Structures are given as structure tokens and as C-alpha cells.
């Protein structure tokens, strides 16, 4: 491949990859000296259109659609350009690896990490869908995990353009196993195709295998005519069976109405689990606080009245890190953002409000070796990797660490072999 010297005003420094749309180059914005990624359009796609001008118009429209998506979970589009027969998009350059690479490298993600990834994905999809934009090719290869653990969706708004152009050559844009039935049949397509793909991704994450497998023709037949086995048949928690059945429904009307509804269903399913693991970074949980069945039920019911079904999960996690009932109750109270509901919860469980509400993990830490600023900074850093469960992991590490450095090492113990150097650097950085 001959490397162009520049594209538009951007000097090209390398090739990042080649996809369905064209070649992606690494380049530099000469004005602000920012590294960018530039996606060019393959000539075959342009030639497939009977009218090149209409293709260019659609490309500009899709660029505008993607460009108005301002969300940390979506790769940003900075600029659209044309030069001669060439058209290109200038996008945010993201350092990291795709979810496909993460899954191929192992170990398999544990449930807290899966839930954190799905939370981020569905939040980003919800933002895009609210702007009238849908992706049409959600799959592990189009999801980038930054070095800080943040999930970003790539190629928003591009799949539809390729789909329009390639339809004329009897090709189809999408990935077998993640494509919704309506992408095969050519019937009306909307945001619910992305929710089907999100369901297929969740199935893959929970079971370690695809919902639909085989040759492309076999996968198409399964998607159009068969239901995948419930994920519990492959070792996943039965609580997720109903969620996946609805997400992967052949009829779009039978699926979740939007990304928020799928997210809420996932949260509710997690709240019904009895054995949700609390580790994603390798450190074993401490023994925690022992509760009798009646006392546990009373705490769970009081907390559920304030925050809903996820109370069961939070209680189980907090009980593993708290050293006594008072610490446990204050830690749970810290999970309730609304002051009135927090006060009601404390009254129901017979505890006096703390002088300073336990709104940070510092209130639940059982060690005096770590100050509040260190704990809160660690929580912010870790939240970008694993989501809300970061508070639990920080409390666990704080209860076991005898020094700040040991605390950081426990949090950064990703694989069990050694600490994640990039995460260690972020944790050590002042807040």
C-alpha cells in the first residue's frame, strides 16, 4: 500500500487498518498538533453508486450525523473533507485495543466487568439513538477499550452509508452473528437493530460463545428462524435468560424499546443474583461482616425502598468489606444520593445520620493509612475502567492495604500475574 504524503491539510504518518469503508490512516493536525485518525472511502463503494454526487451527499449527511454525537463513549468525528475523487472523515485517535482483541487475549471477563462494559455501551447507544443516529454494526471489533478502560464505539454513522452503497452490488453491511433479522430481510431498520447486536454481544460475554454460529448462510438461517439456547445452558446465570430472549427477539417490536430499558433489565437481573463476584482486578475479597438472615433481609428491604432491585447486589458487596454493622449501614447509606431517601433508610434500620454523609468511599474504609483524597481519586480513576463497582473495589483494597503503594498495587492487579502499569501510573497521579 502506497502511503499518501497528506490527506487534506493532515500529514499522514501511518496506516491504522483497513475496513469495509476504506483505509484508516494515522495523521497529525498541523494546526493544533493533535494526532487524528482519517477514514477514507474505497473507490469501489463510490463506483457502486449510479450517481457519484448522491453518494458524496450521503457521505456528508452521515458525517454530520456522526459529528453531532458528543459523548465520551463514542469516537468523535472532527471534520469531513473531499479532494478530487476522494472523500474522508477526520476522527478522534484512540489508543487502546478493541474488545475483540481483549476477548482473544483472555482471561474471560468476570460478571462485574461485563456489566460495566454493557452500561457504557448502552449509555452511548442511548445518546446516539436520541439524536436519531444508529450504528448498524455493533460488534467487538468496533468497540475500543482505552488504556484507562473506557469503552468507545467506533464508526458511528458510517455503516449506514456503506449499506446504501453496497446494496446495489447485493452485498450487506454488518457482521453475521450480530446482524438483526431486518438487516437480512431489508425491512424497516431503526435503533432496535443496535439493541439486537448489543444482546448478541452480551450473550457472547456471558457464555464465551456466540448466540448464532456456523457459516454465514447458517447464521442467517438461525437469526431468521431459530432462537438461541438460553445462556444458562452455557453456564450463565438463569436471571439473564429472559433479558437475552427479549433483546434477541426476531420481531423488533418484541425487543426492548430503547437502550435504557435494556440497561434497566440488566440491572434488575443482576439484583436477583445470589453469587455476583465482586472482583475484576484479581484481589480476593476480605471476610467482611457477618449478618443473620433476618437482619440481612431487613437491610435489603430498607435499601431497596431507596434505590431499587440493585440493593441486593450492593448489600452483598458492602457486607464483604465492612468490619461491623455500623460501618456497613453507613457504607450503604453512602450509596443513596438523595438526602431525604438516605435519612429514611437510616431511620428504618435504626441508625443515626452521620455527621458527614458517607458520600465517598472514605467513610467506608477500615484503614487509617489512606486519606480521603487518595481514596476518592482512586475511585474516579477506577470508575473509568469498571463503572460504579469501583467504589466496592476501592473499599476492598483499602481494607487490605497497609500502605498507599500496596493499595495501588491491589487495584492494579489485573491478571493475577502482575499489576497493570498504565493503571498504576494513573492511580499515582495527583487528583
Protein backbone atom coordinates (compact mmCIF):
# COMPACT_ATOMS: atom_id res chain seq x y z
CA UNK A 1 0.00 0.00 0.00
CA UNK A 2 1.38 3.39 -1.01
CA UNK A 3 1.22 5.82 1.87
CA UNK A 4 -0.10 9.23 0.82
CA UNK A 5 2.02 12.15 1.96
CA UNK A 6 -1.01 14.02 3.24
CA UNK A 7 -4.81 13.99 3.17
CA UNK A 8 -6.19 17.49 3.02
CA UNK A 9 -4.13 19.54 5.45
CA UNK A 10 -3.15 16.48 7.51
CA UNK A 11 0.32 14.91 7.11
CA UNK A 12 -0.08 11.12 7.11
CA UNK A 13 2.21 9.18 9.45
CA UNK A 14 0.99 5.60 9.11
CA UNK A 15 -1.78 3.10 8.43
CA UNK A 16 -4.04 2.04 11.28
CA UNK A 17 -6.10 -0.51 9.39
CA UNK A 18 -8.46 -1.28 6.54
CA UNK A 19 -12.19 -1.90 6.88
CA UNK A 20 -15.38 -2.17 4.88
CA UNK A 21 -15.37 1.55 4.07
CA UNK A 22 -11.72 2.01 3.22
CA UNK A 23 -8.29 2.64 4.69
CA UNK A 24 -7.78 4.29 8.06
CA UNK A 25 -4.65 6.41 8.37
CA UNK A 26 -2.84 7.90 11.33
CA UNK A 27 -2.19 11.60 10.76
CA UNK A 28 -1.47 14.85 12.57
CA UNK A 29 -3.47 18.05 12.69
CA UNK A 30 -0.74 20.61 11.80
CA UNK A 31 -2.56 23.50 13.46
CA UNK A 32 -3.07 22.11 16.97
CA UNK A 33 -0.57 19.21 16.68
CA UNK A 34 -3.19 16.62 17.59
CA UNK A 35 -2.93 13.03 16.42
CA UNK A 36 -6.03 12.03 14.44
CA UNK A 37 -7.39 9.04 12.52
CA UNK A 38 -8.60 9.59 8.94
CA UNK A 39 -11.00 7.15 7.32
CA UNK A 40 -11.09 7.26 3.54
CA UNK A 41 -13.76 5.80 1.26
CA UNK A 42 -12.93 2.93 -1.08
CA UNK A 43 -13.30 3.73 -4.76
CA UNK A 44 -15.36 0.54 -5.19
CA UNK A 45 -18.01 1.99 -2.89
CA UNK A 46 -18.13 5.24 -4.82
CA UNK A 47 -18.27 3.44 -8.17
CA UNK A 48 -21.10 1.19 -6.90
CA UNK A 49 -23.35 4.25 -6.80
CA UNK A 50 -25.02 5.22 -10.06
CA UNK A 51 -24.54 8.87 -9.23
CA UNK A 52 -21.30 9.80 -7.54
CA UNK A 53 -22.75 13.11 -6.46
CA UNK A 54 -25.53 11.41 -4.50
CA UNK A 55 -23.01 9.17 -2.77
CA UNK A 56 -20.95 12.21 -1.76
CA UNK A 57 -24.11 13.88 -0.47
CA UNK A 58 -24.95 10.85 1.67
CA UNK A 59 -21.38 10.74 2.96
CA UNK A 60 -21.65 14.37 4.04
CA UNK A 61 -25.00 13.66 5.69
CA UNK A 62 -23.63 10.72 7.65
CA UNK A 63 -20.60 12.76 8.65
CA UNK A 64 -22.92 15.45 10.03
CA UNK A 65 -24.93 12.81 11.87
CA UNK A 66 -21.87 11.28 13.48
CA UNK A 67 -20.35 14.70 14.11
CA UNK A 68 -23.23 15.83 16.31
CA UNK A 69 -22.69 12.94 18.70
CA UNK A 70 -20.79 14.36 21.66
CA UNK A 71 -20.38 11.53 24.13
CA UNK A 72 -17.31 10.07 25.90
CA UNK A 73 -18.36 6.59 24.75
CA UNK A 74 -18.37 7.48 21.04
CA UNK A 75 -15.29 8.14 18.89
CA UNK A 76 -15.59 11.82 17.90
CA UNK A 77 -15.79 12.99 14.27
CA UNK A 78 -13.91 16.25 13.74
CA UNK A 79 -14.15 17.02 10.04
CA UNK A 80 -15.42 15.88 6.64
CA UNK A 81 -13.41 16.55 3.50
CA UNK A 82 -13.36 15.98 -0.24
CA UNK A 83 -10.47 16.32 -2.63
CA UNK A 84 -10.90 15.25 -6.24
CA UNK A 85 -12.43 11.79 -6.22
CA UNK A 86 -11.56 11.23 -2.58
CA UNK A 87 -13.77 11.69 0.48
CA UNK A 88 -12.66 11.25 4.06
CA UNK A 89 -13.51 11.71 7.72
CA UNK A 90 -11.14 13.04 10.37
CA UNK A 91 -11.82 11.32 13.68
CA UNK A 92 -10.57 11.09 17.23
CA UNK A 93 -7.48 8.90 17.55
CA UNK A 94 -7.97 6.44 20.41
CA UNK A 95 -5.11 4.50 21.92
CA UNK A 96 -6.16 1.12 23.17
CA UNK A 97 -7.38 -2.19 21.85
CA UNK A 98 -10.67 -3.47 20.55
CA UNK A 99 -12.96 -5.61 22.64
CA UNK A 100 -12.31 -8.37 20.10
CA UNK A 101 -8.61 -8.21 20.98
CA UNK A 102 -9.44 -8.13 24.69
CA UNK A 103 -11.59 -11.25 24.38
CA UNK A 104 -8.96 -13.02 22.28
CA UNK A 105 -6.19 -12.30 24.77
CA UNK A 106 -8.11 -13.57 27.83
CA UNK A 107 -8.83 -14.16 30.61
CA UNK A 108 -12.58 -14.08 30.10
CA UNK A 109 -14.20 -11.06 31.77
CA UNK A 110 -15.99 -11.64 35.05
CA UNK A 111 -19.56 -10.50 35.52
CA UNK A 112 -18.81 -7.10 37.10
CA UNK A 113 -16.63 -6.20 34.12
CA UNK A 114 -19.32 -7.44 31.70
CA UNK A 115 -21.96 -5.32 33.42
CA UNK A 116 -19.64 -2.29 33.39
CA UNK A 117 -18.99 -2.70 29.65
CA UNK A 118 -22.68 -3.06 28.88
CA UNK A 119 -23.53 0.00 30.99
CA UNK A 120 -21.07 2.08 28.96
CA UNK A 121 -22.22 0.65 25.62
CA UNK A 122 -25.91 1.18 26.31
CA UNK A 123 -25.32 4.68 27.65
CA UNK A 124 -23.51 5.61 24.43
CA UNK A 125 -26.16 3.95 22.25
CA UNK A 126 -28.91 5.75 24.12
CA UNK A 127 -27.23 9.10 23.40
CA UNK A 128 -26.87 8.33 19.70
CA UNK A 129 -30.40 7.00 19.31
CA UNK A 130 -31.78 10.13 20.96
CA UNK A 131 -30.07 12.10 18.17
CA UNK A 132 -31.66 9.90 15.51
CA UNK A 133 -28.42 8.07 14.70
CA UNK A 134 -27.90 4.31 14.85
CA UNK A 135 -24.83 2.26 14.15
CA UNK A 136 -25.90 -0.98 12.40
CA UNK A 137 -22.61 -2.81 13.04
CA UNK A 138 -22.13 -3.13 16.81
CA UNK A 139 -19.61 -5.93 17.40
CA UNK A 140 -16.43 -6.45 19.48
CA UNK A 141 -14.17 -5.19 16.66
CA UNK A 142 -16.00 -1.83 16.62
CA UNK A 143 -15.71 -1.29 20.37
CA UNK A 144 -12.43 0.20 21.57
CA UNK A 145 -11.19 -0.10 25.15
CA UNK A 146 -8.90 2.76 26.07
CA UNK A 147 -5.89 2.26 28.29
CA UNK A 148 -7.99 3.69 31.11
CA UNK A 149 -10.62 1.02 30.44
CA UNK A 150 -13.22 3.32 28.86
CA UNK A 151 -15.36 1.79 26.10
CA UNK A 152 -15.74 3.82 22.90
CA UNK A 153 -17.89 2.95 19.89
CA UNK A 154 -16.13 3.45 16.57
CA UNK A 155 -17.60 4.12 13.10
CA UNK A 156 -20.88 5.67 14.16
CA UNK A 157 -22.91 6.78 11.16
CA UNK A 158 -20.62 5.03 8.67
CA UNK A 159 -22.29 1.63 8.49
CA UNK A 160 -25.49 3.08 7.04
CA UNK A 161 -23.59 4.77 4.22
CA UNK A 162 -21.80 1.56 3.28
CA UNK A 163 -25.08 -0.30 3.48
CA UNK A 164 -26.71 2.04 0.97
CA UNK A 165 -23.84 1.79 -1.50
CA UNK A 166 -23.21 -1.93 -1.24
CA UNK A 167 -26.90 -2.83 -1.55
CA UNK A 168 -26.54 -2.11 -5.24
CA UNK A 169 -23.96 -4.88 -5.55
CA UNK A 170 -26.02 -7.36 -3.47
CA UNK A 171 -23.65 -7.09 -0.54
CA UNK A 172 -24.63 -6.45 3.05
CA UNK A 173 -23.01 -4.39 5.76
CA UNK A 174 -22.94 -5.94 9.19
CA UNK A 175 -21.35 -8.91 10.86
CA UNK A 176 -23.03 -12.34 10.87
CA UNK A 177 -23.97 -13.20 14.42
CA UNK A 178 -24.61 -9.57 15.34
CA UNK A 179 -26.89 -8.52 12.47
CA UNK A 180 -30.60 -8.21 13.29
CA UNK A 181 -33.14 -10.13 11.17
CA UNK A 182 -34.29 -6.93 9.48
CA UNK A 183 -30.77 -6.36 8.20
CA UNK A 184 -31.08 -9.58 6.23
CA UNK A 185 -34.63 -9.06 5.00
CA UNK A 186 -34.30 -5.40 4.07
CA UNK A 187 -37.36 -4.42 6.08
CA UNK A 188 -37.56 -1.18 8.06
CA UNK A 189 -34.43 -0.60 10.10
CA UNK A 190 -34.15 1.55 13.21
CA UNK A 191 -32.31 1.80 16.53
CA UNK A 192 -33.57 -1.61 17.65
CA UNK A 193 -31.07 -3.27 15.30
CA UNK A 194 -28.35 -1.90 17.61
CA UNK A 195 -30.16 -3.38 20.62
CA UNK A 196 -30.24 -6.79 18.92
CA UNK A 197 -26.48 -6.52 18.35
CA UNK A 198 -25.98 -5.46 21.98
CA UNK A 199 -27.90 -8.57 23.03
CA UNK A 200 -25.71 -10.77 20.82
CA UNK A 201 -22.64 -9.16 22.38
CA UNK A 202 -23.98 -9.74 25.91
CA UNK A 203 -24.64 -13.40 25.04
CA UNK A 204 -21.03 -13.73 23.87
CA UNK A 205 -19.68 -12.08 27.02
CA UNK A 206 -21.80 -14.15 29.41
CA UNK A 207 -21.30 -17.55 27.77
CA UNK A 208 -17.98 -17.28 25.95
CA UNK A 209 -19.66 -18.35 22.70
CA UNK A 210 -21.77 -16.68 20.00
CA UNK A 211 -25.56 -16.79 20.07
CA UNK A 212 -25.51 -17.80 16.39
CA UNK A 213 -22.66 -19.85 14.93
CA UNK A 214 -21.66 -21.55 11.68
CA UNK A 215 -21.22 -20.44 8.10
CA UNK A 216 -22.67 -17.05 7.10
CA UNK A 217 -25.64 -18.81 5.48
CA UNK A 218 -26.20 -20.97 8.57
CA UNK A 219 -26.04 -17.93 10.83
CA UNK A 220 -28.55 -16.09 8.63
CA UNK A 221 -30.97 -19.03 8.82
CA UNK A 222 -30.64 -19.20 12.62
CA UNK A 223 -31.20 -15.46 13.03
CA UNK A 224 -34.30 -15.57 10.81
CA UNK A 225 -35.87 -18.81 12.04
CA UNK A 226 -34.38 -20.12 15.31
CA UNK A 227 -33.92 -18.98 18.90
CA UNK A 228 -30.50 -19.40 20.51
CA UNK A 229 -30.22 -21.64 23.54
CA UNK A 230 -30.82 -19.78 26.82
CA UNK A 231 -27.45 -18.53 28.11
CA UNK A 232 -27.98 -20.53 31.32
CA UNK A 233 -27.50 -23.69 29.21
CA UNK A 234 -23.92 -22.50 28.72
CA UNK A 235 -23.24 -21.68 32.37
CA UNK A 236 -24.57 -18.13 32.66
CA UNK A 237 -26.88 -17.12 35.50
CA UNK A 238 -30.55 -18.00 34.70
CA UNK A 239 -31.51 -14.44 35.68
CA UNK A 240 -30.23 -13.28 32.28
CA UNK A 241 -32.26 -15.73 30.17
CA UNK A 242 -35.33 -13.52 29.88
CA UNK A 243 -33.21 -10.42 29.18
CA UNK A 244 -31.43 -12.14 26.28
CA UNK A 245 -34.62 -13.67 24.91
CA UNK A 246 -36.16 -10.22 24.61
CA UNK A 247 -33.02 -8.49 23.32
CA UNK A 248 -32.65 -11.13 20.58
CA UNK A 249 -36.32 -11.26 19.57
CA UNK A 250 -36.78 -11.57 15.81
CA UNK A 251 -39.60 -9.03 15.80
CA UNK A 252 -38.20 -5.56 16.60
CA UNK A 253 -41.46 -4.69 18.36
CA UNK A 254 -40.82 -7.51 20.84
CA UNK A 255 -37.39 -6.16 21.82
CA UNK A 256 -36.64 -3.52 24.41
CA UNK A 257 -37.97 -0.12 23.41
CA UNK A 258 -34.65 1.61 23.92
CA UNK A 259 -31.16 1.23 25.35
CA UNK A 260 -32.24 2.48 28.78
CA UNK A 261 -34.87 -0.27 29.04
CA UNK A 262 -32.27 -2.94 28.25
CA UNK A 263 -29.87 -1.41 30.78
CA UNK A 264 -32.55 -1.38 33.48
CA UNK A 265 -33.43 -5.02 32.76
CA UNK A 266 -29.77 -5.96 33.13
CA UNK A 267 -29.54 -4.14 36.45
CA UNK A 268 -32.66 -5.88 37.72
CA UNK A 269 -31.32 -9.29 36.63
CA UNK A 270 -28.04 -8.63 38.44
CA UNK A 271 -30.00 -7.65 41.53
CA UNK A 272 -31.57 -11.14 41.63
CA UNK A 273 -28.23 -12.95 41.70
CA UNK A 274 -27.01 -14.70 44.80
CA UNK A 275 -23.38 -15.11 43.77
CA UNK A 276 -22.29 -11.97 41.89
CA UNK A 277 -18.48 -11.87 42.10
CA UNK A 278 -17.09 -8.57 43.30
CA UNK A 279 -13.60 -8.88 41.86
CA UNK A 280 -12.42 -7.85 38.43
CA UNK A 281 -8.88 -6.89 39.35
CA UNK A 282 -7.55 -10.02 40.99
CA UNK A 283 -7.56 -9.33 44.73
CA UNK A 284 -9.51 -11.81 46.90
CA UNK A 285 -12.29 -10.23 48.96
CA UNK A 286 -11.88 -9.92 52.71
CA UNK A 287 -14.03 -11.91 55.09
CA UNK A 288 -16.33 -8.97 55.76
CA UNK A 289 -19.26 -8.53 58.14
CA UNK A 290 -21.46 -11.50 59.06
CA UNK A 291 -25.23 -10.91 59.08
CA UNK A 292 -28.11 -13.06 60.18
CA UNK A 293 -30.79 -13.87 57.61
CA UNK A 294 -33.44 -11.64 59.23
CA UNK A 295 -31.05 -8.73 59.61
CA UNK A 296 -29.85 -9.07 56.01
CA UNK A 297 -33.43 -9.11 54.74
CA UNK A 298 -34.34 -6.00 56.76
CA UNK A 299 -31.34 -4.09 55.42
CA UNK A 300 -32.03 -5.20 51.86
CA UNK A 301 -35.69 -4.15 52.03
CA UNK A 302 -34.81 -0.75 53.52
CA UNK A 303 -32.16 -0.15 50.86
CA UNK A 304 -34.42 -1.38 48.05
CA UNK A 305 -37.04 1.18 49.01
CA UNK A 306 -34.43 3.85 48.28
CA UNK A 307 -32.55 2.56 45.23
CA UNK A 308 -34.49 -0.38 43.79
CA UNK A 309 -33.59 -4.03 42.97
CA UNK A 310 -29.85 -3.41 42.80
CA UNK A 311 -29.93 -3.16 46.61
CA UNK A 312 -29.35 -6.91 46.92
CA UNK A 313 -26.09 -6.67 44.98
CA UNK A 314 -24.86 -3.62 46.88
CA UNK A 315 -25.67 -5.18 50.26
CA UNK A 316 -23.78 -8.35 49.40
CA UNK A 317 -20.76 -6.33 48.20
CA UNK A 318 -20.78 -3.99 51.20
CA UNK A 319 -21.08 -6.87 53.68
CA UNK A 320 -17.85 -8.33 52.30
CA UNK A 321 -15.89 -5.17 53.06
CA UNK A 322 -17.46 -3.79 56.25
CA UNK A 323 -15.98 -4.84 59.59
CA UNK A 324 -19.14 -4.25 61.67
CA UNK A 325 -22.82 -3.37 61.27
CA UNK A 326 -22.35 0.36 61.87
CA UNK A 327 -19.75 0.62 59.12
CA UNK A 328 -21.95 -1.48 56.84
CA UNK A 329 -25.00 0.72 57.36
CA UNK A 330 -23.07 3.94 56.77
CA UNK A 331 -21.49 2.46 53.66
CA UNK A 332 -24.92 1.55 52.30
CA UNK A 333 -26.22 5.00 53.13
CA UNK A 334 -23.39 6.42 51.07
CA UNK A 335 -24.85 4.68 48.00
CA UNK A 336 -28.07 6.74 48.28
CA UNK A 337 -27.61 10.08 46.56
CA UNK A 338 -30.84 11.80 47.63
CA UNK A 339 -30.52 13.14 51.22
CA UNK A 340 -34.20 12.54 52.11
CA UNK A 341 -34.08 8.92 51.00
CA UNK A 342 -30.77 8.45 52.80
CA UNK A 343 -32.30 9.75 56.02
CA UNK A 344 -35.34 7.49 55.61
CA UNK A 345 -33.08 4.47 55.09
CA UNK A 346 -31.05 5.26 58.22
CA UNK A 347 -34.24 5.71 60.24
CA UNK A 348 -35.64 2.37 59.05
CA UNK A 349 -32.50 0.48 60.06
CA UNK A 350 -32.21 2.27 63.40
CA UNK A 351 -29.04 4.24 62.69
CA UNK A 352 -28.36 7.90 63.32
CA UNK A 353 -27.29 10.02 60.35
CA UNK A 354 -23.56 10.51 60.16
CA UNK A 355 -22.26 14.00 60.85
CA UNK A 356 -20.92 14.00 57.30
CA UNK A 357 -22.91 11.76 54.96
CA UNK A 358 -20.94 8.82 53.63
CA UNK A 359 -20.87 10.06 50.06
CA UNK A 360 -17.33 8.86 49.36
CA UNK A 361 -15.53 5.61 49.87
CA UNK A 362 -13.50 7.26 52.60
CA UNK A 363 -16.42 6.80 55.01
CA UNK A 364 -16.40 3.06 54.49
CA UNK A 365 -12.65 2.48 54.60
CA UNK A 366 -11.47 0.47 57.55
CA UNK A 367 -7.87 1.60 57.48
CA UNK A 368 -6.37 4.84 58.70
CA UNK A 369 -3.37 4.57 56.35
CA UNK A 370 -5.24 6.15 53.43
CA UNK A 371 -6.73 9.61 53.39
CA UNK A 372 -9.99 10.64 51.78
CA UNK A 373 -8.31 12.36 48.81
CA UNK A 374 -6.39 9.19 47.90
CA UNK A 375 -9.49 7.03 48.10
CA UNK A 376 -11.67 9.41 46.11
CA UNK A 377 -9.00 9.84 43.40
CA UNK A 378 -8.63 6.06 43.13
CA UNK A 379 -12.39 5.70 42.81
CA UNK A 380 -12.53 8.24 39.98
CA UNK A 381 -9.72 6.52 38.09
CA UNK A 382 -11.13 3.04 38.57
CA UNK A 383 -14.66 4.08 37.62
CA UNK A 384 -13.44 4.76 34.07
CA UNK A 385 -12.47 1.09 33.87
CA UNK A 386 -15.21 -0.81 35.64
CA UNK A 387 -18.05 1.61 36.30
CA UNK A 388 -19.92 2.07 39.61
CA UNK A 389 -18.49 -1.10 41.13
CA UNK A 390 -15.22 0.85 41.53
CA UNK A 391 -16.41 2.02 44.99
CA UNK A 392 -16.61 -1.58 46.16
CA UNK A 393 -13.17 -2.49 44.79
CA UNK A 394 -11.58 0.55 46.39
CA UNK A 395 -13.11 -0.32 49.75
CA UNK A 396 -11.84 -3.89 49.43
CA UNK A 397 -8.31 -2.79 48.60
CA UNK A 398 -8.33 -0.15 51.36
CA UNK A 399 -9.33 -2.75 53.95
CA UNK A 400 -6.38 -4.98 53.00
CA UNK A 401 -3.62 -2.46 52.26
CA UNK A 402 -1.02 -1.42 54.84
CA UNK A 403 0.34 1.41 52.68
CA UNK A 404 -0.67 3.65 49.82
CA UNK A 405 1.60 1.80 47.39
CA UNK A 406 0.16 -1.57 48.38
CA UNK A 407 -3.33 -0.09 47.93
CA UNK A 408 -2.46 0.96 44.37
CA UNK A 409 -0.91 -2.43 43.61
CA UNK A 410 -4.05 -4.27 44.76
CA UNK A 411 -6.23 -2.15 42.49
CA UNK A 412 -3.90 -2.57 39.53
CA UNK A 413 -3.58 -6.35 39.88
CA UNK A 414 -5.41 -7.05 36.66
CA UNK A 415 -4.38 -10.52 35.50
CA UNK A 416 -3.13 -12.04 38.72
CA UNK A 417 0.37 -12.11 37.18
CA UNK A 418 1.34 -8.53 37.82
CA UNK A 419 -0.02 -5.00 38.14
CA UNK A 420 -1.25 -3.02 35.15
CA UNK A 421 1.49 -0.40 34.69
CA UNK A 422 -0.76 2.14 32.95
CA UNK A 423 -3.37 1.92 35.70
CA UNK A 424 -0.68 2.22 38.39
CA UNK A 425 0.54 5.43 36.76
CA UNK A 426 -2.95 6.92 36.74
CA UNK A 427 -3.54 5.95 40.38
CA UNK A 428 -0.28 7.57 41.47
CA UNK A 429 -1.06 10.76 39.60
CA UNK A 430 -2.38 13.52 41.86
CA UNK A 431 -6.13 14.05 41.64
